[in-house]
Amino acid sequence: MENRVIGRGALAGLIAGVLGFAFAYINVEPYIQKAIDYEGGRGEILDAIHEALGLPSEAEGPEIFDRTFQSIVGLATGITGVAIALSLLVAVAFLLLHGRVNVRPRVLVWSICAFGFLGIFLLPFAKYPSNPPAIGHDFTIETRGALYLGMVAISLILLTGAVFLARYLSRRMSWVRAVVITGIAFLVVFVIVCALLPALGDLPANVAKADEFGFARAATETAQPITNILSEPLTVDGITYAPGQIIYQGFDADLLWAFRWYSILNQVIIWLTIALVFGGLAEKLLLTPQAAAAPRVSEEISA
């Protein structure tokens, strides 16, 4: 039985991954390309500024895969692999909870998927949202990764605590009051946690570079406009810029908003597909006459 449940979970993840890739390729990939174009232009300007100041430029690493490969094979592999992994986690959680809670299999799957969508994606996203290329500094990758994983762990712990709190309160009051009180308590604690965790712009590595070209101090790592931070005019590529004048524009806010919005929709598609497909398959598997009769047969044999 366990292998069949896991297999159905993998199938649901594969379907979710294919749908997620199709959506991302149509709606997200164009914004990724625009972000890469911006990153390339920003890098060229920074190199020109360093050359004008007689400073060494950072050498770019070799491009192992071209953009066509990345946008099709890389995107498909990444989204499908993640979707299958998430669906397998849902299947494992289903096996652990099935029989311990008195709900239909598909309702249990839907609940687990809602829990996972909130804890693994949406709540961490509220503090550290998804970013396209050109946003995020190479020297903070490890710190940002640790903060995001920490936010995922905290979100899952808070959600688990909220479930137990709601069940505890429901024994002493109505379910509606229990859920409302639990929701308020959860939001208060979550807001406090978000306030205590550092903003990416306040990371020590970013603060240390705030006086360099291209690293203006901000609350996030979103690329700010490159300005002439010198007290005298600066000539770059034959153009003279006065002190404080913008040399290269910051990252497009509309592009960033669109990328994050479609990222949310992509995750909704993946989690919703897993819930519907795996929920239906689990319901069909466990509520067939043979599956329903199996426990009675076992009881008769043991008697």
Protein backbone atom coordinates (compact mmCIF):
# COMPACT_ATOMS: atom_id res chain seq x y z
CA MET A 1 0.00 0.00 0.00
CA GLU A 2 2.76 2.45 0.92
CA ASN A 3 4.54 2.01 -2.41
CA ARG A 4 1.34 2.60 -4.34
CA VAL A 5 0.65 5.79 -2.40
CA ILE A 6 4.21 7.02 -2.98
CA GLY A 7 3.95 6.17 -6.67
CA ARG A 8 0.75 8.16 -7.01
CA GLY A 9 2.40 11.04 -5.22
CA ALA A 10 5.27 11.00 -7.70
CA LEU A 11 2.82 10.93 -10.61
CA ALA A 12 0.92 13.90 -9.21
CA GLY A 13 4.20 15.78 -8.80
CA LEU A 14 5.19 15.03 -12.39
CA ILE A 15 1.90 16.38 -13.70
CA ALA A 16 2.20 19.44 -11.48
CA GLY A 17 5.76 19.99 -12.68
CA VAL A 18 4.77 19.84 -16.34
CA LEU A 19 1.95 22.35 -15.81
CA GLY A 20 4.21 24.55 -13.68
CA PHE A 21 6.91 24.54 -16.36
CA ALA A 22 4.42 25.41 -19.11
CA PHE A 23 3.11 28.34 -17.08
CA ALA A 24 6.58 29.54 -16.11
CA TYR A 25 7.94 29.28 -19.65
CA ILE A 26 5.09 31.39 -21.02
CA ASN A 27 4.72 33.93 -18.20
CA VAL A 28 7.89 33.99 -16.09
CA GLU A 29 10.72 33.31 -18.54
CA PRO A 30 10.26 36.60 -20.47
CA TYR A 31 10.80 38.54 -17.24
CA ILE A 32 13.83 36.42 -16.38
CA GLN A 33 15.33 37.33 -19.76
CA LYS A 34 14.64 41.03 -19.16
CA ALA A 35 16.31 40.77 -15.75
CA ILE A 36 19.34 39.08 -17.30
CA ASP A 37 19.56 41.82 -19.94
CA TYR A 38 19.45 44.44 -17.19
CA GLU A 39 22.13 42.59 -15.23
CA GLY A 40 24.37 42.48 -18.30
CA GLY A 41 23.99 46.20 -18.95
CA ARG A 42 24.61 47.04 -15.30
CA GLY A 43 27.76 44.90 -15.29
CA GLU A 44 29.11 46.68 -18.37
CA ILE A 45 28.56 50.09 -16.76
CA LEU A 46 30.29 49.01 -13.54
CA ASP A 47 33.24 47.72 -15.58
CA ALA A 48 33.40 51.05 -17.42
CA ILE A 49 33.34 52.94 -14.10
CA HIS A 50 36.13 50.78 -12.70
CA GLU A 51 38.15 51.35 -15.88
CA ALA A 52 37.64 55.12 -15.61
CA LEU A 53 38.86 55.03 -12.01
CA GLY A 54 41.76 52.72 -12.82
CA LEU A 55 40.30 49.92 -10.71
CA PRO A 56 40.31 46.22 -11.66
CA SER A 57 37.07 44.76 -13.00
CA GLU A 58 35.58 41.52 -11.76
CA ALA A 59 36.11 38.71 -14.23
CA GLU A 60 32.96 36.84 -15.24
CA GLY A 61 32.90 33.07 -15.00
CA PRO A 62 32.40 30.96 -18.13
CA GLU A 63 28.84 30.36 -19.30
CA ILE A 64 28.42 26.58 -19.11
CA PHE A 65 24.94 26.47 -20.66
CA ASP A 66 23.47 28.95 -23.12
CA ARG A 67 20.22 30.78 -22.46
CA THR A 68 18.15 28.51 -24.70
CA PHE A 69 19.24 25.46 -22.73
CA GLN A 70 18.67 27.24 -19.43
CA SER A 71 15.22 28.56 -20.36
CA ILE A 72 13.92 25.18 -21.57
CA VAL A 73 15.85 22.23 -20.18
CA GLY A 74 17.04 23.95 -17.02
CA LEU A 75 13.67 25.47 -16.20
CA ALA A 76 11.79 22.24 -16.93
CA THR A 77 14.20 20.13 -14.88
CA GLY A 78 14.16 22.51 -11.93
CA ILE A 79 10.40 23.01 -11.70
CA THR A 80 9.54 19.36 -12.37
CA GLY A 81 12.12 18.10 -9.89
CA VAL A 82 10.89 20.43 -7.17
CA ALA A 83 7.24 19.55 -7.86
CA ILE A 84 7.95 15.81 -7.61
CA ALA A 85 9.90 16.32 -4.38
CA LEU A 86 7.08 18.38 -2.87
CA SER A 87 4.49 15.82 -3.91
CA LEU A 88 6.53 13.00 -2.38
CA LEU A 89 6.67 14.97 0.88
CA VAL A 90 2.89 15.29 0.74
CA ALA A 91 2.61 11.53 0.15
CA VAL A 92 4.84 10.75 3.14
CA ALA A 93 2.86 13.12 5.34
CA PHE A 94 -0.35 11.49 4.11
CA LEU A 95 0.91 8.03 5.07
CA LEU A 96 1.83 9.28 8.53
CA LEU A 97 -1.54 10.94 9.14
CA HIS A 98 -3.96 8.61 7.36
CA GLY A 99 -5.87 6.59 9.89
CA ARG A 100 -5.00 9.01 12.68
CA VAL A 101 -7.45 11.71 11.57
CA ASN A 102 -11.07 11.06 10.74
CA VAL A 103 -11.33 12.69 7.31
CA ARG A 104 -11.62 11.42 3.76
CA PRO A 105 -8.28 10.77 1.96
CA ARG A 106 -8.68 13.62 -0.50
CA VAL A 107 -9.60 16.08 2.28
CA LEU A 108 -6.46 15.03 4.14
CA VAL A 109 -4.36 15.57 1.00
CA TRP A 110 -5.91 18.99 0.45
CA SER A 111 -5.15 19.94 4.06
CA ILE A 112 -1.53 18.79 3.79
CA CYS A 113 -1.07 20.73 0.53
CA ALA A 114 -2.55 23.88 2.06
CA PHE A 115 -0.21 23.45 5.02
CA GLY A 116 2.76 22.96 2.71
CA PHE A 117 1.89 25.88 0.44
CA LEU A 118 1.69 28.22 3.41
CA GLY A 119 4.68 26.90 5.34
CA ILE A 120 7.10 26.16 2.52
CA PHE A 121 6.28 29.01 0.17
CA LEU A 122 3.80 31.77 1.02
CA LEU A 123 4.80 32.65 4.59
CA PRO A 124 8.57 32.67 3.86
CA PHE A 125 7.75 34.64 0.70
CA ALA A 126 6.16 37.34 2.86
CA LYS A 127 9.55 38.06 4.44
CA TYR A 128 11.98 37.02 1.73
CA PRO A 129 10.15 37.09 -1.63
CA SER A 130 11.39 35.48 -4.82
CA ASN A 131 13.77 37.53 -6.93
CA PRO A 132 14.78 37.36 -10.60
CA PRO A 133 18.40 37.54 -11.79
CA ALA A 134 20.11 40.91 -11.13
CA ILE A 135 18.67 41.00 -7.60
CA GLY A 136 20.84 39.54 -4.89
CA HIS A 137 24.59 39.80 -4.38
CA ASP A 138 26.99 36.91 -4.87
CA PHE A 139 28.67 37.54 -1.53
CA THR A 140 25.40 37.06 0.43
CA ILE A 141 24.15 33.85 -1.21
CA GLU A 142 24.92 31.62 1.77
CA THR A 143 23.44 34.05 4.28
CA ARG A 144 20.29 34.56 2.22
CA GLY A 145 19.88 30.81 1.79
CA ALA A 146 20.24 30.22 5.52
CA LEU A 147 17.73 32.95 6.32
CA TYR A 148 15.18 31.56 3.87
CA LEU A 149 15.51 28.00 5.16
CA GLY A 150 15.21 29.34 8.69
CA MET A 151 12.05 31.17 7.69
CA VAL A 152 10.62 27.95 6.22
CA ALA A 153 11.37 26.05 9.43
CA ILE A 154 9.85 28.79 11.59
CA SER A 155 6.73 28.94 9.39
CA LEU A 156 6.18 25.18 9.59
CA ILE A 157 6.67 25.21 13.36
CA LEU A 158 4.24 28.11 13.81
CA LEU A 159 1.64 26.43 11.60
CA THR A 160 1.98 23.17 13.52
CA GLY A 161 1.59 25.05 16.79
CA ALA A 162 -1.48 26.82 15.40
CA VAL A 163 -3.10 23.48 14.53
CA PHE A 164 -2.56 22.11 18.04
CA LEU A 165 -3.72 25.37 19.62
CA ALA A 166 -6.92 25.38 17.57
CA ARG A 167 -7.68 21.77 18.54
CA TYR A 168 -6.99 22.53 22.20
CA LEU A 169 -9.22 25.61 22.23
CA SER A 170 -12.00 23.81 20.34
CA ARG A 171 -12.55 21.57 23.38
CA ARG A 172 -13.41 24.65 25.44
CA MET A 173 -15.25 26.82 22.95
CA SER A 174 -16.78 26.73 19.49
CA TRP A 175 -14.61 25.95 16.47
CA VAL A 176 -15.22 29.43 15.06
CA ARG A 177 -13.91 31.18 18.17
CA ALA A 178 -11.01 28.74 18.43
CA VAL A 179 -9.96 29.39 14.83
CA VAL A 180 -10.29 33.18 15.18
CA ILE A 181 -8.23 33.29 18.38
CA THR A 182 -5.62 30.96 16.89
CA GLY A 183 -5.42 33.03 13.71
CA ILE A 184 -4.86 36.25 15.65
CA ALA A 185 -2.22 34.64 17.85
CA PHE A 186 -0.47 33.21 14.81
CA LEU A 187 -0.39 36.56 13.02
CA VAL A 188 0.98 38.35 16.08
CA VAL A 189 3.81 35.84 16.52
CA PHE A 190 4.54 35.76 12.78
CA VAL A 191 4.76 39.56 12.56
CA ILE A 192 7.14 39.60 15.55
CA VAL A 193 9.34 36.94 13.92
CA CYS A 194 9.45 38.90 10.64
CA ALA A 195 10.40 42.05 12.54
CA LEU A 196 13.22 40.28 14.38
CA LEU A 197 14.74 38.69 11.28
CA PRO A 198 17.11 41.01 9.40
CA ALA A 199 16.25 42.73 6.15
CA LEU A 200 18.59 41.68 3.36
CA GLY A 201 19.84 45.22 2.90
CA ASP A 202 20.93 45.29 6.55
CA LEU A 203 23.20 42.27 6.26
CA PRO A 204 26.75 43.19 7.39
CA ALA A 205 28.22 42.32 3.99
CA ASN A 206 25.86 44.77 2.28
CA VAL A 207 26.44 47.51 4.82
CA ALA A 208 30.20 47.16 4.32
CA LYS A 209 29.85 47.80 0.58
CA ALA A 210 27.39 50.69 0.84
CA ASP A 211 30.08 53.23 -0.10
CA GLU A 212 31.01 51.48 -3.36
CA PHE A 213 29.65 52.07 -6.86
CA GLY A 214 26.52 49.97 -7.48
CA PHE A 215 25.88 49.07 -3.83
CA ALA A 216 23.76 51.94 -2.52
CA ARG A 217 22.30 51.32 0.93
CA ALA A 218 18.71 50.03 0.81
CA ALA A 219 16.36 47.81 2.79
CA THR A 220 16.62 45.04 0.17
CA GLU A 221 19.16 43.82 -2.36
CA THR A 222 17.11 45.16 -5.25
CA ALA A 223 19.52 46.91 -7.61
CA GLN A 224 19.44 50.65 -6.92
CA PRO A 225 20.42 53.32 -9.46
CA ILE A 226 24.17 53.64 -9.97
CA THR A 227 25.08 57.24 -9.18
CA ASN A 228 28.30 59.20 -9.15
CA ILE A 229 29.23 58.89 -5.48
CA LEU A 230 32.37 61.01 -5.95
CA SER A 231 32.62 64.69 -5.03
CA GLU A 232 33.79 65.53 -8.56
CA PRO A 233 32.51 64.84 -12.08
CA LEU A 234 33.12 61.35 -13.48
CA THR A 235 33.49 60.54 -17.18
CA VAL A 236 32.24 57.11 -18.26
CA ASP A 237 32.22 56.02 -21.91
CA GLY A 238 32.67 59.63 -23.02
CA ILE A 239 29.79 60.98 -20.90
CA THR A 240 30.49 63.20 -17.90
CA TYR A 241 28.31 62.76 -14.82
CA ALA A 242 28.08 65.34 -12.05
CA PRO A 243 28.29 64.29 -8.39
CA GLY A 244 25.06 62.52 -7.41
CA GLN A 245 23.90 62.15 -11.02
CA ILE A 246 22.42 58.79 -12.06
CA ILE A 247 24.73 56.82 -14.34
CA TYR A 248 22.54 53.72 -14.75
CA GLN A 249 18.92 53.23 -13.73
CA GLY A 250 17.79 50.94 -10.94
CA PHE A 251 15.91 47.71 -11.46
CA ASP A 252 12.45 48.14 -12.97
CA ALA A 253 9.87 47.96 -10.18
CA ASP A 254 7.12 46.81 -12.57
CA LEU A 255 9.30 43.94 -13.79
CA LEU A 256 10.03 42.90 -10.20
CA TRP A 257 6.34 43.02 -9.29
CA ALA A 258 5.34 40.97 -12.33
CA PHE A 259 8.03 38.34 -11.65
CA ARG A 260 6.91 37.91 -8.03
CA TRP A 261 3.23 37.83 -8.96
CA TYR A 262 3.73 35.11 -11.56
CA SER A 263 5.96 33.24 -9.12
CA ILE A 264 3.06 33.11 -6.67
CA LEU A 265 0.68 31.93 -9.39
CA ASN A 266 3.17 29.26 -10.46
CA GLN A 267 3.33 27.89 -6.93
CA VAL A 268 -0.47 27.95 -6.69
CA ILE A 269 -0.67 25.88 -9.86
CA ILE A 270 1.86 23.34 -8.60
CA TRP A 271 0.32 22.90 -5.14
CA LEU A 272 -3.25 22.92 -6.45
CA THR A 273 -2.42 20.28 -9.06
CA ILE A 274 -0.76 18.08 -6.44
CA ALA A 275 -3.80 18.46 -4.19
CA LEU A 276 -6.33 17.64 -6.88
CA VAL A 277 -4.44 14.83 -8.64
CA PHE A 278 -2.95 13.11 -5.62
CA GLY A 279 -6.14 13.66 -3.62
CA GLY A 280 -8.20 11.99 -6.33
CA LEU A 281 -5.76 9.11 -6.75
CA ALA A 282 -5.53 8.51 -2.99
CA GLU A 283 -9.30 8.61 -2.67
CA LYS A 284 -9.72 6.10 -5.48
CA LEU A 285 -7.04 3.81 -4.09
CA LEU A 286 -8.16 3.77 -0.47
CA LEU A 287 -11.92 3.86 -0.92
CA THR A 288 -12.23 1.03 -3.45
CA PRO A 289 -14.32 -1.95 -2.29
CA GLN A 290 -11.15 -4.07 -2.08
CA ALA A 291 -9.35 -1.53 0.09
CA ALA A 292 -12.38 -1.03 2.30
CA ALA A 293 -12.84 -4.77 2.71
CA ALA A 294 -9.19 -5.45 3.56
CA PRO A 295 -9.42 -4.31 7.20
CA ARG A 296 -12.55 -6.44 7.76
CA VAL A 297 -10.85 -9.49 6.29
CA SER A 298 -7.85 -8.97 8.53
CA GLU A 299 -10.11 -8.66 11.56
CA GLU A 300 -11.94 -11.90 10.67
CA ILE A 301 -8.68 -13.80 10.20
CA SER A 302 -7.28 -12.57 13.51
CA ALA A 303 -10.56 -13.49 15.26
